[in-house]
Amino acid sequence: MKKLDYIDALRGLAILGVIAVHTSQYGSNKLPNYISDFVNQGARGVQLFFLASAFTLFLSFRNRIHTEKNAVRNFFIRRFFRIAPMYYLGIFYFLWQNNFGEIFKLGGEEHSSAFLVMANLTFTHGLNPYYINSLVPGGWSITVEFMFYAMVPLLFLWIKNISHSFNFLTCTLILNALLRFYFLKYPLIGDFQLWQEFLFLYIFSQLPVFALGLLFYFLVIENQTLKDISPKSLLVFCFLICLSICKPLLKIFDDHIIFSIGFLFLAYALSRSDFKVFNNAVIRYIGEISFSMYLVHFAVLYWLTHFGIADYFGKGLTDYVIRFVITLGISSIFSILFYRCIEVPFQGIGKKIIKKLS
């Protein structure tokens, strides 16, 4: 499959945003409000990861569905060996970092770490509001990613063109709005704040972002245009926009979805032209090692704080910039190591298993 440089650039921008927001959560946190508001939106880097992921998954599946005898089986083998080895290392590392204790107290309830570990090992922790973002920092995005993996073969059978992908986007927006409205009225756990957080993190909240990634795929790879979308579909989407404005409680277009629509335009622009400020060798390489970096930077920030070196001059913005540069530098070194020693070799093992099964 042809390597698309702008996808690595998108991943690089995504991880830089994620590191930026998490860096601001350590140390003195004395940033000016206008900078703090901007930095906090770095959390939307996860949605940029999701958008790029949906694009590449559809592209990869399309390239192999007609050339491999067991394309679906091979797809899941590749996905497992792409994500699981590094994530499993993260599970055991963060257990060690927290002394293997009963550390998972959420919503006033204490849960057995054994069940939580098992949920993470099977990537099912996204089904439980107490587990979805416990143990491995940022682990919620991994379970959401795996849930989308499970949908890809079926979506590939149904979504054949840009109009279908646009309809899928509309359906995911409606489904998320209805589920959110119902579950906020009838929560399933006692801790309402934790329940609200779960309703943002879980798969149905993030599914519209993946849908935008599929829209991006048909725009770029299949060379389809917006004029290929059914007029009826556009009319329904227009109605959703009006309804969202008139009835804001429905939250059809959450902030992370609005950001993701912006990311769709960013991705399309980078696919059409080389904007060196966004798409250059450094950012592309950061994107290439971004999965390891996503897990590693949490540990780096933890140890900077543990050793009391998260603040330097007592000046909020200066300390933040230094902390960000140090975190990025150390994370890059370890991520290069993990990428070469864990990610690439285990992806090779996955390929060998596929070859042997075939």
Protein backbone atom coordinates (compact mmCIF):
# COMPACT_ATOMS: atom_id res chain seq x y z
CA MET A 1 0.00 0.00 0.00
CA LYS A 2 1.36 3.42 -1.02
CA LYS A 3 2.56 5.44 1.94
CA LEU A 4 0.64 8.68 2.31
CA ASP A 5 2.88 11.30 3.92
CA TYR A 6 0.03 13.56 4.95
CA ILE A 7 -1.46 10.82 7.13
CA ASP A 8 1.75 10.64 9.16
CA ALA A 9 1.66 14.44 9.32
CA LEU A 10 -1.88 14.33 10.72
CA ARG A 11 -0.81 11.80 13.33
CA GLY A 12 2.17 13.98 14.20
CA LEU A 13 -0.05 17.01 14.70
CA ALA A 14 -2.43 14.88 16.76
CA ILE A 15 0.19 13.65 19.21
CA LEU A 16 1.70 17.13 19.55
CA GLY A 17 -1.73 18.40 20.58
CA VAL A 18 -2.22 15.58 23.06
CA ILE A 19 1.20 16.14 24.65
CA ALA A 20 0.53 19.89 24.76
CA VAL A 21 -2.65 19.54 26.80
CA HIS A 22 -1.26 16.91 29.17
CA THR A 23 1.89 18.95 29.75
CA SER A 24 -0.33 21.79 30.95
CA GLN A 25 -1.87 19.49 33.57
CA TYR A 26 1.43 19.04 35.43
CA GLY A 27 3.54 21.54 37.29
CA SER A 28 2.35 24.98 38.31
CA ASN A 29 -0.28 25.36 35.55
CA LYS A 30 -0.06 29.16 35.64
CA LEU A 31 -0.80 29.82 32.01
CA PRO A 32 -2.60 32.94 30.75
CA ASN A 33 -6.25 32.20 30.10
CA TYR A 34 -6.09 32.74 26.34
CA ILE A 35 -3.15 30.33 26.05
CA SER A 36 -4.71 27.82 28.44
CA ASP A 37 -7.92 27.79 26.40
CA PHE A 38 -5.92 27.10 23.23
CA VAL A 39 -3.70 24.42 24.81
CA ASN A 40 -6.69 22.59 26.31
CA GLN A 41 -8.01 21.93 22.83
CA GLY A 42 -4.95 19.79 22.19
CA ALA A 43 -7.09 17.01 23.65
CA ARG A 44 -8.90 17.01 20.29
CA GLY A 45 -5.77 15.39 18.88
CA VAL A 46 -7.39 12.07 19.79
CA GLN A 47 -10.22 12.82 17.37
CA LEU A 48 -7.64 13.60 14.68
CA PHE A 49 -6.17 10.14 15.35
CA PHE A 50 -9.63 8.60 14.93
CA LEU A 51 -10.26 10.42 11.65
CA ALA A 52 -6.90 9.33 10.20
CA SER A 53 -7.46 5.80 11.47
CA ALA A 54 -10.84 5.40 9.74
CA PHE A 55 -9.29 6.63 6.50
CA THR A 56 -6.34 4.22 6.58
CA LEU A 57 -8.44 1.26 7.73
CA PHE A 58 -10.82 1.60 4.79
CA LEU A 59 -7.91 2.09 2.40
CA SER A 60 -6.08 -0.96 3.73
CA PHE A 61 -9.21 -3.11 3.68
CA ARG A 62 -10.03 -2.07 0.12
CA ASN A 63 -6.53 -2.93 -1.09
CA ARG A 64 -6.68 -6.43 0.37
CA ILE A 65 -10.32 -7.53 0.17
CA HIS A 66 -9.93 -8.76 -3.43
CA THR A 67 -6.39 -10.12 -3.14
CA GLU A 68 -6.50 -12.12 0.10
CA LYS A 69 -8.51 -15.25 0.63
CA ASN A 70 -9.23 -14.52 4.30
CA ALA A 71 -9.13 -10.74 4.27
CA VAL A 72 -11.32 -10.25 7.35
CA ARG A 73 -9.33 -12.69 9.48
CA ASN A 74 -6.07 -11.14 8.30
CA PHE A 75 -7.40 -7.66 9.01
CA PHE A 76 -7.97 -8.49 12.68
CA ILE A 77 -4.58 -10.21 12.98
CA ARG A 78 -2.86 -7.10 11.63
CA ARG A 79 -4.85 -4.81 13.90
CA PHE A 80 -4.10 -6.89 16.98
CA PHE A 81 -0.35 -6.99 16.37
CA ARG A 82 -0.38 -3.30 15.53
CA ILE A 83 -1.90 -2.22 18.86
CA ALA A 84 -1.80 -5.00 21.46
CA PRO A 85 1.95 -5.52 22.09
CA MET A 86 2.67 -1.89 22.95
CA TYR A 87 -0.59 -1.50 24.85
CA TYR A 88 0.10 -4.63 26.90
CA LEU A 89 3.49 -3.21 27.79
CA GLY A 90 1.67 -0.06 28.90
CA ILE A 91 -0.70 -2.10 31.09
CA PHE A 92 2.11 -3.78 32.98
CA TYR A 93 4.19 -0.62 33.18
CA PHE A 94 1.39 1.45 34.73
CA LEU A 95 0.56 -1.39 37.11
CA TRP A 96 4.19 -1.30 38.22
CA GLN A 97 4.21 2.51 38.42
CA ASN A 98 1.26 2.32 40.81
CA ASN A 99 2.73 -0.54 42.86
CA PHE A 100 0.21 -3.14 41.66
CA GLY A 101 -2.19 -1.88 44.32
CA GLU A 102 -5.95 -1.52 44.52
CA ILE A 103 -5.72 1.93 43.00
CA PHE A 104 -8.86 1.97 40.93
CA LYS A 105 -11.33 3.93 43.02
CA LEU A 106 -13.84 5.63 40.77
CA GLY A 107 -17.25 7.04 41.55
CA GLY A 108 -17.01 6.14 45.20
CA GLU A 109 -16.69 2.44 44.43
CA GLU A 110 -13.61 0.26 44.64
CA HIS A 111 -13.06 -2.28 41.92
CA SER A 112 -10.80 -5.27 41.75
CA SER A 113 -7.70 -4.54 39.72
CA ALA A 114 -7.82 -8.12 38.40
CA PHE A 115 -11.11 -7.46 36.59
CA LEU A 116 -9.82 -4.13 35.34
CA VAL A 117 -6.63 -5.69 33.99
CA MET A 118 -8.61 -8.41 32.25
CA ALA A 119 -10.91 -5.81 30.69
CA ASN A 120 -7.89 -3.92 29.36
CA LEU A 121 -6.23 -7.07 28.06
CA THR A 122 -9.39 -7.88 26.08
CA PHE A 123 -9.96 -4.24 25.05
CA THR A 124 -13.44 -4.35 26.57
CA HIS A 125 -12.84 -1.71 29.24
CA GLY A 126 -14.81 0.73 27.09
CA LEU A 127 -18.02 -1.06 28.10
CA ASN A 128 -17.66 -0.11 31.75
CA PRO A 129 -17.78 3.54 32.93
CA TYR A 130 -15.53 2.65 35.86
CA TYR A 131 -12.93 1.00 33.66
CA ILE A 132 -12.93 2.94 30.39
CA ASN A 133 -10.17 5.37 31.35
CA SER A 134 -8.50 3.57 34.25
CA LEU A 135 -5.16 1.79 34.53
CA VAL A 136 -3.51 3.07 31.32
CA PRO A 137 -3.83 6.87 30.96
CA GLY A 138 -5.64 7.61 27.74
CA GLY A 139 -6.61 3.95 27.43
CA TRP A 140 -10.18 4.94 26.56
CA SER A 141 -9.10 5.77 23.02
CA ILE A 142 -7.62 2.28 22.55
CA THR A 143 -10.84 0.48 23.43
CA VAL A 144 -12.84 2.84 21.20
CA GLU A 145 -10.39 2.15 18.38
CA PHE A 146 -10.80 -1.61 18.82
CA MET A 147 -14.58 -1.30 18.82
CA PHE A 148 -14.38 0.51 15.52
CA TYR A 149 -12.09 -2.24 14.18
CA ALA A 150 -14.91 -4.68 14.83
CA MET A 151 -17.25 -2.59 12.68
CA VAL A 152 -14.95 -2.05 9.70
CA PRO A 153 -15.70 -5.27 7.71
CA LEU A 154 -19.46 -4.68 7.99
CA LEU A 155 -19.17 -0.98 7.22
CA PHE A 156 -17.08 -1.79 4.15
CA LEU A 157 -19.92 -3.95 2.83
CA TRP A 158 -22.51 -1.21 3.39
CA ILE A 159 -20.67 2.03 2.65
CA LYS A 160 -19.84 2.05 -1.06
CA ASN A 161 -19.66 5.75 -1.90
CA ILE A 162 -19.53 9.23 -0.43
CA SER A 163 -23.31 9.46 -0.21
CA HIS A 164 -23.40 6.29 1.91
CA SER A 165 -20.63 7.64 4.15
CA PHE A 166 -22.51 10.92 4.55
CA ASN A 167 -25.65 8.99 5.53
CA PHE A 168 -23.58 7.03 8.04
CA LEU A 169 -22.32 10.30 9.52
CA THR A 170 -25.90 11.55 9.84
CA CYS A 171 -27.03 8.31 11.48
CA THR A 172 -24.19 8.39 14.01
CA LEU A 173 -25.01 11.98 14.94
CA ILE A 174 -28.68 11.16 15.51
CA LEU A 175 -27.88 7.96 17.41
CA ASN A 176 -25.40 9.68 19.70
CA ALA A 177 -27.80 12.55 20.42
CA LEU A 178 -30.66 10.20 21.27
CA LEU A 179 -28.52 7.94 23.45
CA ARG A 180 -27.04 10.90 25.27
CA PHE A 181 -30.48 12.40 25.89
CA TYR A 182 -31.82 9.09 27.24
CA PHE A 183 -28.79 8.13 29.35
CA LEU A 184 -28.51 11.56 30.95
CA LYS A 185 -32.15 11.21 31.99
CA TYR A 186 -31.72 7.60 33.12
CA PRO A 187 -28.09 7.13 34.23
CA LEU A 188 -26.92 3.60 34.93
CA ILE A 189 -24.52 4.48 37.78
CA GLY A 190 -24.76 6.70 40.83
CA ASP A 191 -21.84 9.01 40.05
CA PHE A 192 -23.37 11.44 37.57
CA GLN A 193 -20.09 13.23 36.79
CA LEU A 194 -18.37 9.96 35.94
CA TRP A 195 -21.40 8.96 33.87
CA GLN A 196 -21.21 12.21 31.88
CA GLU A 197 -17.53 11.59 31.24
CA PHE A 198 -18.31 8.06 30.05
CA LEU A 199 -20.95 9.38 27.63
CA PHE A 200 -18.28 11.53 26.04
CA LEU A 201 -15.58 8.84 25.90
CA TYR A 202 -17.60 5.82 24.78
CA ILE A 203 -17.84 4.55 21.20
CA PHE A 204 -21.17 6.14 20.21
CA SER A 205 -19.90 9.61 21.08
CA GLN A 206 -16.79 9.11 18.94
CA LEU A 207 -18.42 7.25 16.05
CA PRO A 208 -19.27 10.45 14.10
CA VAL A 209 -15.55 11.24 14.07
CA PHE A 210 -14.77 7.89 12.43
CA ALA A 211 -17.60 8.60 9.98
CA LEU A 212 -15.84 11.83 8.99
CA GLY A 213 -12.71 9.76 8.36
CA LEU A 214 -14.70 7.59 5.94
CA LEU A 215 -15.96 10.73 4.21
CA PHE A 216 -12.33 11.81 3.86
CA TYR A 217 -11.52 8.42 2.29
CA PHE A 218 -14.12 8.80 -0.45
CA LEU A 219 -13.09 12.39 -1.14
CA VAL A 220 -9.40 11.56 -1.58
CA ILE A 221 -9.06 7.92 -2.59
CA GLU A 222 -12.26 7.43 -4.60
CA ASN A 223 -12.10 10.99 -5.99
CA GLN A 224 -15.75 11.64 -5.25
CA THR A 225 -17.10 15.09 -4.48
CA LEU A 226 -19.80 16.66 -2.35
CA LYS A 227 -22.04 16.93 -5.40
CA ASP A 228 -22.21 13.12 -5.37
CA ILE A 229 -24.08 13.22 -2.06
CA SER A 230 -27.83 12.72 -2.30
CA PRO A 231 -29.79 16.02 -2.06
CA LYS A 232 -32.13 14.33 0.44
CA SER A 233 -29.14 13.52 2.64
CA LEU A 234 -27.98 17.13 2.54
CA LEU A 235 -31.50 18.28 3.45
CA VAL A 236 -31.57 16.00 6.50
CA PHE A 237 -28.13 17.21 7.57
CA CYS A 238 -29.25 20.82 7.22
CA PHE A 239 -32.24 20.02 9.43
CA LEU A 240 -29.90 18.54 12.06
CA ILE A 241 -27.84 21.74 12.10
CA CYS A 242 -30.97 23.87 12.57
CA LEU A 243 -32.28 21.52 15.25
CA SER A 244 -28.97 21.64 17.10
CA ILE A 245 -29.11 25.43 17.17
CA CYS A 246 -32.76 25.57 18.23
CA LYS A 247 -32.50 22.73 20.75
CA PRO A 248 -28.95 22.90 22.14
CA LEU A 249 -29.80 20.38 24.88
CA LEU A 250 -29.81 17.66 22.21
CA LYS A 251 -26.08 18.29 21.61
CA ILE A 252 -26.11 16.88 18.08
CA PHE A 253 -22.85 18.64 17.29
CA ASP A 254 -20.62 18.34 20.35
CA ASP A 255 -17.42 20.37 20.41
CA HIS A 256 -15.27 17.36 19.54
CA ILE A 257 -17.44 16.74 16.46
CA ILE A 258 -17.18 20.36 15.34
CA PHE A 259 -13.41 20.15 15.74
CA SER A 260 -13.41 16.94 13.72
CA ILE A 261 -15.28 18.63 10.88
CA GLY A 262 -12.49 21.20 10.92
CA PHE A 263 -9.95 18.36 10.90
CA LEU A 264 -11.65 16.96 7.79
CA PHE A 265 -10.90 20.22 5.96
CA LEU A 266 -7.34 20.20 7.33
CA ALA A 267 -6.79 16.63 6.16
CA TYR A 268 -8.24 17.35 2.74
CA ALA A 269 -6.04 20.45 2.38
CA LEU A 270 -2.89 18.47 3.28
CA SER A 271 -3.86 15.77 0.78
CA ARG A 272 -4.04 18.39 -1.97
CA SER A 273 -0.97 20.49 -1.24
CA ASP A 274 2.28 20.39 0.76
CA PHE A 275 2.02 22.86 3.59
CA LYS A 276 5.49 22.49 5.04
CA VAL A 277 4.53 24.05 8.35
CA PHE A 278 2.20 21.07 8.92
CA ASN A 279 3.65 18.40 6.64
CA ASN A 280 7.40 18.15 7.03
CA ALA A 281 9.92 15.42 7.81
CA VAL A 282 9.99 16.10 11.57
CA ILE A 283 6.21 16.09 12.07
CA ARG A 284 5.84 13.04 9.80
CA TYR A 285 8.39 11.08 11.82
CA ILE A 286 6.69 12.08 15.06
CA GLY A 287 3.49 10.78 13.47
CA GLU A 288 5.18 7.51 12.59
CA ILE A 289 6.12 6.86 16.23
CA SER A 290 2.98 8.53 17.62
CA PHE A 291 1.37 5.41 19.08
CA SER A 292 4.35 4.67 21.33
CA MET A 293 4.61 8.36 22.14
CA TYR A 294 0.93 8.45 23.14
CA LEU A 295 1.61 5.90 25.88
CA VAL A 296 5.13 7.01 26.82
CA HIS A 297 4.52 10.72 27.42
CA PHE A 298 2.24 10.01 30.40
CA ALA A 299 5.10 8.19 32.11
CA VAL A 300 7.57 10.96 31.30
CA LEU A 301 5.30 13.59 32.87
CA TYR A 302 4.78 11.38 35.91
CA TRP A 303 8.52 11.01 36.54
CA LEU A 304 9.23 14.71 35.95
CA THR A 305 6.71 15.43 38.69
CA HIS A 306 7.95 12.58 40.88
CA PHE A 307 11.50 13.94 40.86
CA GLY A 308 10.33 17.54 41.33
CA ILE A 309 11.56 18.80 37.96
CA ALA A 310 8.27 19.80 36.37
CA ASP A 311 8.79 23.50 37.25
CA TYR A 312 11.91 25.58 36.67
CA PHE A 313 11.73 29.38 36.98
CA GLY A 314 8.38 29.95 38.62
CA LYS A 315 7.04 31.54 35.45
CA GLY A 316 4.01 29.73 34.13
CA LEU A 317 4.44 30.08 30.36
CA THR A 318 8.23 29.67 30.42
CA ASP A 319 7.97 26.58 32.63
CA TYR A 320 5.26 25.14 30.38
CA VAL A 321 7.34 25.55 27.22
CA ILE A 322 10.41 23.97 28.87
CA ARG A 323 8.29 21.12 30.27
CA PHE A 324 6.75 20.53 26.84
CA VAL A 325 10.14 20.43 25.09
CA ILE A 326 11.61 18.07 27.70
CA THR A 327 8.56 15.80 27.59
CA LEU A 328 8.60 15.72 23.79
CA GLY A 329 12.34 15.04 23.68
CA ILE A 330 12.41 12.23 26.23
CA SER A 331 9.21 10.71 24.85
CA SER A 332 10.69 10.75 21.34
CA ILE A 333 13.81 8.87 22.45
CA PHE A 334 11.86 6.10 24.18
CA SER A 335 9.25 6.00 21.43
CA ILE A 336 11.88 5.45 18.74
CA LEU A 337 13.20 2.57 20.82
CA PHE A 338 9.77 1.03 21.36
CA TYR A 339 8.77 1.57 17.74
CA ARG A 340 11.82 -0.29 16.47
CA CYS A 341 11.96 -2.99 19.15
CA ILE A 342 8.27 -3.67 19.77
CA GLU A 343 5.91 -2.14 17.22
CA VAL A 344 7.74 -3.07 14.01
CA PRO A 345 8.88 -6.58 15.10
CA PHE A 346 5.40 -7.57 16.32
CA GLN A 347 3.81 -6.26 13.15
CA GLY A 348 6.28 -8.54 11.39
CA ILE A 349 5.10 -11.46 13.54
CA GLY A 350 1.52 -10.69 12.51
CA LYS A 351 2.56 -10.82 8.85
CA LYS A 352 4.31 -14.14 9.38
CA ILE A 353 1.22 -15.61 11.06
CA ILE A 354 -0.93 -14.47 8.14
CA LYS A 355 1.53 -15.98 5.67
CA LYS A 356 1.63 -19.26 7.55
CA LEU A 357 -2.18 -19.46 7.80
CA SER A 358 -2.45 -18.77 4.12
